[in-house]
Amino acid sequence: MSEQTTNADQTVRQFTIGEDDNGIRLDRWFKRNLPQIGFATVSRWARTGQIRVDGKRAKPDDRLSEGQVLRVPPGGEQAPGGRKPKQHRELKPEEIAEAHAMVIRETKSAIVLNKPPGLATQGGSKTNKHVDGLLDAFVEDDDTPRPRLVHRLDKDTSGVILIARTPGSAASYSKRFSGRSARKVYWALIVGVPDVKEGTIDAPLAKQPGSGGEKMHVDLENGQPAKTRYRVVETAGKKAAWVELEPLTGRTHQLRVHLEAIGHPIVGDGKYGGQDAFLTGSISRKMHLHARRLVISEPGGGKMDVTADLPDHFSASMQQLGFDLSLSDAEPLREDTTERTKAEKKQAARAHAKQYRRSQRGPRRARGDAGKSGKPRKLGNKGRKR
């Protein structure tokens, strides 16, 4: 989107609608590009003919097209007292340094960060420190749009997270994520070794009753479709495996639930794997799930391809288990998987759910035994208690 002032002595503004805003409603355009101007003001301007599109009057629900020229009258964005409203909050020097230390790539439309484990993406109950709160570090002045989140990572998941610089680029990137054209590849360490070394986990997910929406589970009847492609890269005997994961859908906690459902929880994921998710010895108890690589189309054309280094605890575990990082460059997994019929997909989902139920028998038995002897059972070779 380009902006032009009609006259050096006037404050009437003209905007040429760009590709990112093609098809958007007029009122949504203001919310995206001039959020400091409220809906009531936009409606008043439209009603009195002060907003013009290609010289013609426009209504708030009119759709805009690329190349059209939008006339916006002066005013409407001043705070009480004539002060221009602040678009960002002041951060402490250490917060600014922390934000910039996460940057691994910057383009005209995006800032790509390598999020450390333990840092939430957004704020919430009792969560005061998060990525979204650090984005003010990238606002140079009140004329610079505040960067926006377009996707999320779990608090304990590390790796690539993309931040859009402008409202327009945020809309463009959001379309890529929602349309599944963005390719995301994760690395994970899992307990045990799957019998099938490469495949697709096809198991619908839903919120787990009684968890307050904090946990998900496999639900064949009422769950939303969820697919995860995986490939075992290397194994450490029967103790653990290093896998590449590619989510083909974007459900909450999808990777974590899918791997636990087939009996191989992610190392350190106590929320879903319980005690079975922790390896003995010096392997870290932190979650071993990392967004390794992102491939996504950019608003102006071309593709962004970015990779994030492993956090210290994950890197140390890989070394201790003897894994060779050169065996994977996190290429998006092959697309030569044969498309299955609906009946085959349903059968696969049931099989994964059966594995999930079977994997829960061990923990139930262990709790019963612990009540009798006071000692938990030891982990088996696939992370299940025997």
Protein backbone atom coordinates (compact mmCIF):
# COMPACT_ATOMS: atom_id res chain seq x y z
CA MET A 1 0.00 0.00 0.00
CA SER A 2 1.41 3.41 -0.96
CA GLU A 3 0.44 6.72 0.60
CA GLN A 4 0.46 10.11 -1.10
CA THR A 5 -0.43 13.53 0.28
CA THR A 6 -2.61 15.44 -2.16
CA ASN A 7 -1.17 18.84 -1.37
CA ALA A 8 1.79 20.01 0.65
CA ASP A 9 -0.45 22.47 2.50
CA GLN A 10 -3.25 20.02 3.25
CA THR A 11 -3.59 16.90 5.38
CA VAL A 12 -6.00 15.02 3.13
CA ARG A 13 -4.46 11.60 2.47
CA GLN A 14 -4.65 9.33 -0.53
CA PHE A 15 -3.87 5.62 -0.36
CA THR A 16 -3.43 3.31 -3.32
CA ILE A 17 -4.86 -0.11 -2.40
CA GLY A 18 -2.20 -2.79 -2.63
CA GLU A 19 -2.34 -6.52 -3.29
CA ASP A 20 -2.47 -7.37 0.43
CA ASP A 21 -5.71 -5.38 0.83
CA ASN A 22 -7.48 -6.58 -2.32
CA GLY A 23 -11.07 -7.56 -1.52
CA ILE A 24 -11.11 -6.17 2.03
CA ARG A 25 -14.08 -4.21 3.37
CA LEU A 26 -13.57 -0.46 3.79
CA ASP A 27 -14.13 -0.57 7.56
CA ARG A 28 -11.72 -3.50 7.89
CA TRP A 29 -9.13 -1.56 5.88
CA PHE A 30 -9.22 1.21 8.48
CA LYS A 31 -8.95 -1.29 11.33
CA ARG A 32 -5.93 -2.88 9.65
CA ASN A 33 -4.10 0.19 8.38
CA LEU A 34 -5.32 3.12 10.49
CA PRO A 35 -6.45 1.49 13.76
CA GLN A 36 -6.33 4.81 15.60
CA ILE A 37 -9.41 5.91 13.62
CA GLY A 38 -12.52 4.37 15.19
CA PHE A 39 -15.51 2.82 13.41
CA ALA A 40 -17.80 5.68 14.45
CA THR A 41 -15.52 8.18 12.71
CA VAL A 42 -15.29 6.03 9.57
CA SER A 43 -19.10 5.74 9.46
CA ARG A 44 -19.53 9.50 9.88
CA TRP A 45 -17.00 10.25 7.14
CA ALA A 46 -18.72 7.79 4.80
CA ARG A 47 -22.18 9.18 5.59
CA THR A 48 -21.07 12.76 4.87
CA GLY A 49 -19.18 11.81 1.71
CA GLN A 50 -15.71 12.64 3.03
CA ILE A 51 -14.35 9.17 2.19
CA ARG A 52 -13.97 8.60 -1.54
CA VAL A 53 -12.84 5.58 -3.55
CA ASP A 54 -11.70 6.55 -7.07
CA GLY A 55 -13.57 9.82 -6.53
CA LYS A 56 -16.88 8.18 -5.60
CA ARG A 57 -18.63 8.02 -2.24
CA ALA A 58 -18.13 4.77 -0.34
CA LYS A 59 -19.89 2.86 2.43
CA PRO A 60 -18.16 1.04 5.31
CA ASP A 61 -19.11 -2.39 3.91
CA ASP A 62 -17.88 -1.67 0.35
CA ARG A 63 -15.09 -3.97 -0.89
CA LEU A 64 -11.83 -2.42 -2.06
CA SER A 65 -9.81 -3.59 -5.06
CA GLU A 66 -6.09 -3.45 -5.78
CA GLY A 67 -5.13 -0.22 -7.53
CA GLN A 68 -8.07 1.85 -6.30
CA VAL A 69 -7.30 5.22 -4.71
CA LEU A 70 -8.82 5.84 -1.31
CA ARG A 71 -9.26 9.44 -0.10
CA VAL A 72 -9.13 9.86 3.70
CA PRO A 73 -9.97 13.26 5.23
CA PRO A 74 -7.79 14.91 7.87
CA GLY A 75 -8.24 14.30 11.58
CA GLY A 76 -9.80 11.41 13.40
CA GLU A 77 -6.61 10.14 14.96
CA GLN A 78 -5.75 12.69 17.59
CA ALA A 79 -5.94 11.76 21.26
CA PRO A 80 -7.57 14.14 23.78
CA GLY A 81 -5.54 17.31 24.12
CA GLY A 82 -4.31 17.15 20.54
CA ARG A 83 -1.61 14.55 21.28
CA LYS A 84 -1.00 11.77 18.78
CA PRO A 85 -1.73 8.44 20.52
CA LYS A 86 1.27 6.28 21.28
CA GLN A 87 1.49 3.13 19.21
CA HIS A 88 3.85 1.31 21.55
CA ARG A 89 4.94 1.08 25.16
CA GLU A 90 8.39 1.76 26.51
CA LEU A 91 10.55 -1.29 27.25
CA LYS A 92 13.48 -1.65 29.60
CA PRO A 93 16.94 -1.84 27.96
CA GLU A 94 17.27 -5.52 28.94
CA GLU A 95 13.90 -6.31 27.33
CA ILE A 96 14.95 -4.59 24.10
CA ALA A 97 18.23 -6.53 24.12
CA GLU A 98 16.35 -9.80 24.72
CA ALA A 99 14.01 -9.15 21.80
CA HIS A 100 16.83 -8.36 19.37
CA ALA A 101 18.86 -11.36 20.54
CA MET A 102 16.09 -13.64 19.26
CA VAL A 103 16.19 -12.25 15.69
CA ILE A 104 17.47 -14.67 13.04
CA ARG A 105 16.11 -12.98 9.89
CA GLU A 106 14.66 -9.60 8.93
CA THR A 107 12.93 -8.71 5.68
CA LYS A 108 10.81 -5.82 4.48
CA SER A 109 7.66 -7.60 5.60
CA ALA A 110 8.75 -9.80 8.51
CA ILE A 111 10.97 -10.35 11.53
CA VAL A 112 11.79 -13.99 12.26
CA LEU A 113 12.67 -14.98 15.80
CA ASN A 114 14.13 -18.09 17.42
CA LYS A 115 11.90 -18.35 20.48
CA PRO A 116 13.57 -19.88 23.52
CA PRO A 117 11.75 -22.56 25.55
CA GLY A 118 9.89 -21.23 28.57
CA LEU A 119 8.84 -17.94 26.92
CA ALA A 120 5.12 -17.71 26.14
CA THR A 121 4.00 -16.38 22.77
CA GLN A 122 1.17 -14.30 24.19
CA GLY A 123 0.08 -13.07 27.59
CA GLY A 124 -2.56 -14.73 29.72
CA SER A 125 -3.48 -15.53 33.28
CA LYS A 126 -0.34 -15.05 35.40
CA THR A 127 1.75 -14.66 32.22
CA ASN A 128 3.34 -11.24 32.16
CA LYS A 129 6.40 -11.93 30.01
CA HIS A 130 5.83 -13.08 26.45
CA VAL A 131 6.94 -12.57 22.83
CA ASP A 132 4.03 -10.27 22.02
CA GLY A 133 5.03 -7.97 24.87
CA LEU A 134 8.57 -7.68 23.52
CA LEU A 135 7.53 -6.63 19.99
CA ASP A 136 7.58 -2.96 20.98
CA ALA A 137 11.37 -3.28 20.77
CA PHE A 138 10.99 -3.15 16.97
CA VAL A 139 8.93 0.08 16.92
CA GLU A 140 11.26 2.97 16.06
CA ASP A 141 8.73 5.79 16.45
CA ASP A 142 5.00 6.52 16.52
CA ASP A 143 4.88 6.38 12.72
CA THR A 144 6.19 2.79 12.67
CA PRO A 145 3.44 0.12 12.82
CA ARG A 146 3.72 -2.25 15.74
CA PRO A 147 4.72 -5.73 14.50
CA ARG A 148 2.10 -8.45 14.83
CA LEU A 149 2.04 -12.15 15.67
CA VAL A 150 0.63 -14.35 12.90
CA HIS A 151 1.08 -17.78 14.50
CA ARG A 152 2.05 -19.24 17.87
CA LEU A 153 4.27 -21.79 19.58
CA ASP A 154 3.59 -23.43 22.93
CA LYS A 155 5.45 -21.89 25.84
CA ASP A 156 7.86 -24.82 26.19
CA THR A 157 8.35 -25.30 22.44
CA SER A 158 11.33 -23.48 20.95
CA GLY A 159 12.19 -22.37 17.44
CA VAL A 160 11.03 -20.36 14.44
CA ILE A 161 8.25 -17.85 14.95
CA LEU A 162 7.38 -15.26 12.30
CA ILE A 163 6.35 -11.69 13.15
CA ALA A 164 4.71 -9.46 10.50
CA ARG A 165 5.94 -5.87 10.28
CA THR A 166 2.70 -4.32 9.02
CA PRO A 167 -1.03 -5.07 9.12
CA GLY A 168 -0.95 -5.83 5.40
CA SER A 169 1.88 -8.34 5.64
CA ALA A 170 0.17 -9.88 8.70
CA ALA A 171 -2.92 -10.55 6.61
CA SER A 172 -0.81 -12.06 3.82
CA TYR A 173 1.14 -14.37 6.13
CA SER A 174 -2.02 -15.36 8.00
CA LYS A 175 -3.52 -16.55 4.72
CA ARG A 176 -0.42 -18.71 4.11
CA PHE A 177 -0.73 -20.33 7.53
CA SER A 178 -4.50 -20.84 7.41
CA GLY A 179 -4.28 -22.12 3.83
CA ARG A 180 -1.57 -24.64 4.84
CA SER A 181 0.82 -23.40 2.15
CA ALA A 182 3.41 -22.54 4.81
CA ARG A 183 5.71 -25.50 5.48
CA LYS A 184 6.76 -26.07 9.08
CA VAL A 185 9.23 -28.76 10.12
CA TYR A 186 9.83 -29.62 13.76
CA TRP A 187 12.51 -31.71 15.44
CA ALA A 188 11.62 -33.77 18.47
CA LEU A 189 13.14 -36.40 20.72
CA ILE A 190 10.64 -39.09 21.63
CA VAL A 191 10.64 -41.93 24.13
CA GLY A 192 11.10 -45.33 22.47
CA VAL A 193 11.16 -46.11 18.75
CA PRO A 194 8.05 -46.39 16.53
CA ASP A 195 7.69 -49.69 14.65
CA VAL A 196 6.86 -47.76 11.47
CA LYS A 197 9.74 -45.40 10.73
CA GLU A 198 7.86 -43.00 8.45
CA GLY A 199 4.20 -42.21 7.98
CA THR A 200 1.24 -40.01 8.82
CA ILE A 201 -0.63 -39.92 12.10
CA ASP A 202 -4.26 -39.26 11.25
CA ALA A 203 -6.24 -38.87 14.48
CA PRO A 204 -8.92 -36.21 15.20
CA LEU A 205 -8.45 -34.08 18.29
CA ALA A 206 -10.78 -32.40 20.77
CA LYS A 207 -10.54 -30.69 24.13
CA GLN A 208 -10.26 -33.18 26.94
CA PRO A 209 -13.29 -33.04 29.26
CA GLY A 210 -12.53 -31.96 32.79
CA SER A 211 -9.28 -30.19 31.87
CA GLY A 212 -10.82 -26.77 31.45
CA GLY A 213 -9.69 -26.72 27.84
CA GLU A 214 -6.04 -26.97 28.88
CA LYS A 215 -5.52 -30.44 27.37
CA MET A 216 -6.44 -32.13 24.11
CA HIS A 217 -7.06 -35.79 23.36
CA VAL A 218 -7.86 -38.14 20.48
CA ASP A 219 -11.63 -38.13 19.85
CA LEU A 220 -12.74 -40.26 16.92
CA GLU A 221 -16.38 -39.22 17.15
CA ASN A 222 -16.31 -35.48 17.81
CA GLY A 223 -12.71 -34.42 17.20
CA GLN A 224 -11.50 -32.05 14.49
CA PRO A 225 -9.36 -33.58 11.72
CA ALA A 226 -5.66 -33.59 12.60
CA LYS A 227 -2.72 -34.98 10.62
CA THR A 228 0.98 -35.13 11.38
CA ARG A 229 3.62 -36.47 9.03
CA TYR A 230 6.67 -37.92 10.74
CA ARG A 231 10.01 -39.55 9.93
CA VAL A 232 12.46 -41.25 12.28
CA VAL A 233 15.89 -39.77 11.55
CA GLU A 234 18.01 -41.74 14.02
CA THR A 235 17.58 -43.91 17.12
CA ALA A 236 19.46 -44.47 20.38
CA GLY A 237 18.90 -48.20 20.69
CA LYS A 238 15.32 -48.70 21.82
CA LYS A 239 15.56 -45.91 24.36
CA ALA A 240 14.75 -42.86 22.24
CA ALA A 241 14.39 -41.58 18.69
CA TRP A 242 15.00 -38.33 16.90
CA VAL A 243 12.13 -37.49 14.55
CA GLU A 244 11.18 -34.88 11.98
CA LEU A 245 7.57 -33.74 12.23
CA GLU A 246 5.43 -31.79 9.80
CA PRO A 247 1.95 -30.75 10.97
CA LEU A 248 -0.48 -30.93 8.05
CA THR A 249 -3.16 -29.29 10.19
CA GLY A 250 -2.83 -26.77 13.00
CA ARG A 251 -4.65 -28.09 16.07
CA THR A 252 -3.71 -27.10 19.61
CA HIS A 253 -0.89 -29.31 21.00
CA GLN A 254 -1.25 -31.49 17.90
CA LEU A 255 2.29 -32.86 17.72
CA ARG A 256 2.41 -33.58 21.44
CA VAL A 257 -0.93 -35.40 21.54
CA HIS A 258 -0.30 -37.40 18.35
CA LEU A 259 3.06 -38.72 19.52
CA GLU A 260 1.75 -39.61 22.96
CA ALA A 261 -1.25 -41.29 21.33
CA ILE A 262 0.99 -43.77 19.49
CA GLY A 263 2.89 -44.54 22.68
CA HIS A 264 5.97 -42.38 22.10
CA PRO A 265 5.61 -39.09 24.03
CA ILE A 266 8.00 -36.22 23.42
CA VAL A 267 10.87 -36.25 25.91
CA GLY A 268 10.10 -33.76 28.68
CA ASP A 269 6.38 -33.45 27.89
CA GLY A 270 5.03 -34.40 31.30
CA LYS A 271 1.67 -32.79 30.53
CA TYR A 272 0.79 -35.50 28.03
CA GLY A 273 3.29 -38.27 28.69
CA GLY A 274 3.38 -38.15 32.49
CA GLN A 275 6.41 -39.84 34.02
CA ASP A 276 6.83 -41.90 30.85
CA ALA A 277 8.03 -38.74 29.08
CA PHE A 278 11.28 -38.49 31.07
CA LEU A 279 14.46 -40.40 30.31
CA THR A 280 16.82 -41.58 33.01
CA GLY A 281 20.34 -40.25 33.38
CA SER A 282 21.42 -36.72 32.58
CA ILE A 283 18.93 -36.02 29.76
CA SER A 284 17.19 -32.70 30.45
CA ARG A 285 13.63 -32.76 31.76
CA LYS A 286 12.72 -29.79 29.55
CA MET A 287 10.53 -30.33 26.49
CA HIS A 288 12.42 -31.52 23.40
CA LEU A 289 10.23 -30.03 20.66
CA HIS A 290 11.73 -27.42 18.34
CA ALA A 291 10.32 -25.57 15.31
CA ARG A 292 13.37 -26.15 13.16
CA ARG A 293 12.42 -24.72 9.77
CA LEU A 294 9.80 -22.52 8.09
CA VAL A 295 9.25 -22.11 4.36
CA ILE A 296 6.65 -19.49 3.43
CA SER A 297 5.79 -17.22 0.49
CA GLU A 298 6.43 -13.52 1.03
CA PRO A 299 3.83 -10.81 0.26
CA GLY A 300 5.99 -9.22 -2.46
CA GLY A 301 6.80 -12.52 -4.14
CA GLY A 302 9.49 -15.12 -3.60
CA LYS A 303 9.90 -17.47 -0.66
CA MET A 304 11.42 -17.15 2.78
CA ASP A 305 13.29 -20.21 4.02
CA VAL A 306 14.63 -19.93 7.56
CA THR A 307 16.13 -22.37 10.07
CA ALA A 308 16.51 -21.97 13.86
CA ASP A 309 19.36 -23.40 15.95
CA LEU A 310 18.52 -25.80 18.78
CA PRO A 311 18.33 -24.48 22.35
CA ASP A 312 21.12 -25.54 24.70
CA HIS A 313 19.26 -28.34 26.50
CA PHE A 314 18.10 -29.94 23.22
CA SER A 315 21.57 -29.69 21.68
CA ALA A 316 23.15 -31.28 24.78
CA SER A 317 20.66 -34.17 24.68
CA MET A 318 21.40 -34.80 21.01
CA GLN A 319 25.10 -35.03 21.81
CA GLN A 320 24.58 -37.30 24.81
CA LEU A 321 22.46 -39.69 22.74
CA GLY A 322 25.06 -39.68 19.96
CA PHE A 323 22.85 -38.28 17.21
CA ASP A 324 24.47 -36.90 14.06
CA LEU A 325 22.89 -33.57 13.07
CA SER A 326 24.12 -33.93 9.49
CA LEU A 327 21.57 -36.71 8.95
CA SER A 328 18.81 -34.12 8.63
CA ASP A 329 18.73 -30.64 7.19
CA ALA A 330 15.03 -30.36 8.10
CA GLU A 331 13.84 -30.58 4.53
CA PRO A 332 10.03 -30.57 4.37
CA LEU A 333 8.99 -34.20 4.25
CA ARG A 334 8.37 -35.82 0.90
CA GLU A 335 4.98 -35.38 -0.74
CA ASP A 336 4.94 -38.78 -2.44
CA THR A 337 2.69 -40.30 0.20
CA THR A 338 -0.14 -42.18 -1.52
CA GLU A 339 -3.53 -40.64 -0.81
CA ARG A 340 -5.63 -43.02 1.25
CA THR A 341 -9.36 -43.69 0.96
CA LYS A 342 -11.79 -42.42 3.59
CA ALA A 343 -12.16 -45.95 4.98
CA GLU A 344 -8.37 -46.33 5.26
CA LYS A 345 -8.09 -42.99 7.03
CA LYS A 346 -10.83 -43.97 9.50
CA GLN A 347 -9.16 -47.31 10.15
CA ALA A 348 -5.80 -45.57 10.75
CA ALA A 349 -7.39 -43.14 13.18
CA ARG A 350 -8.93 -46.03 15.11
CA ALA A 351 -5.59 -47.82 15.18
CA HIS A 352 -3.85 -44.79 16.63
CA ALA A 353 -6.62 -44.35 19.19
CA LYS A 354 -6.24 -48.02 20.14
CA GLN A 355 -2.51 -47.49 20.63
CA TYR A 356 -3.32 -44.48 22.77
CA ARG A 357 -5.65 -46.45 25.04
CA ARG A 358 -3.12 -49.26 25.28
CA SER A 359 -0.38 -46.79 26.23
CA GLN A 360 -2.52 -45.61 29.15
CA ARG A 361 -2.77 -49.05 30.73
CA GLY A 362 0.81 -48.90 32.02
CA PRO A 363 0.38 -45.63 33.93
CA ARG A 364 -2.87 -46.90 35.46
CA ARG A 365 -1.21 -50.12 36.60
CA ALA A 366 1.80 -48.19 37.88
CA ARG A 367 -0.41 -45.96 40.00
CA GLY A 368 -2.10 -49.02 41.46
CA ASP A 369 1.24 -50.68 42.21
CA ALA A 370 2.63 -47.48 43.68
CA GLY A 371 -0.27 -47.41 46.09
CA LYS A 372 0.65 -50.91 47.26
CA SER A 373 4.42 -50.77 47.35
CA GLY A 374 5.12 -47.05 47.30
CA LYS A 375 7.50 -47.55 44.35
CA PRO A 376 6.75 -46.70 40.69
CA ARG A 377 7.49 -49.18 37.95
CA LYS A 378 10.51 -48.71 35.71
CA LEU A 379 10.22 -47.55 32.12
CA GLY A 380 10.13 -50.16 29.41
CA ASN A 381 11.95 -49.94 26.11
CA LYS A 382 9.16 -47.93 24.49
CA GLY A 383 8.55 -45.54 27.32
CA ARG A 384 5.70 -47.60 28.75
CA LYS A 385 5.62 -48.98 32.25
CA ARG A 386 5.62 -52.72 32.45
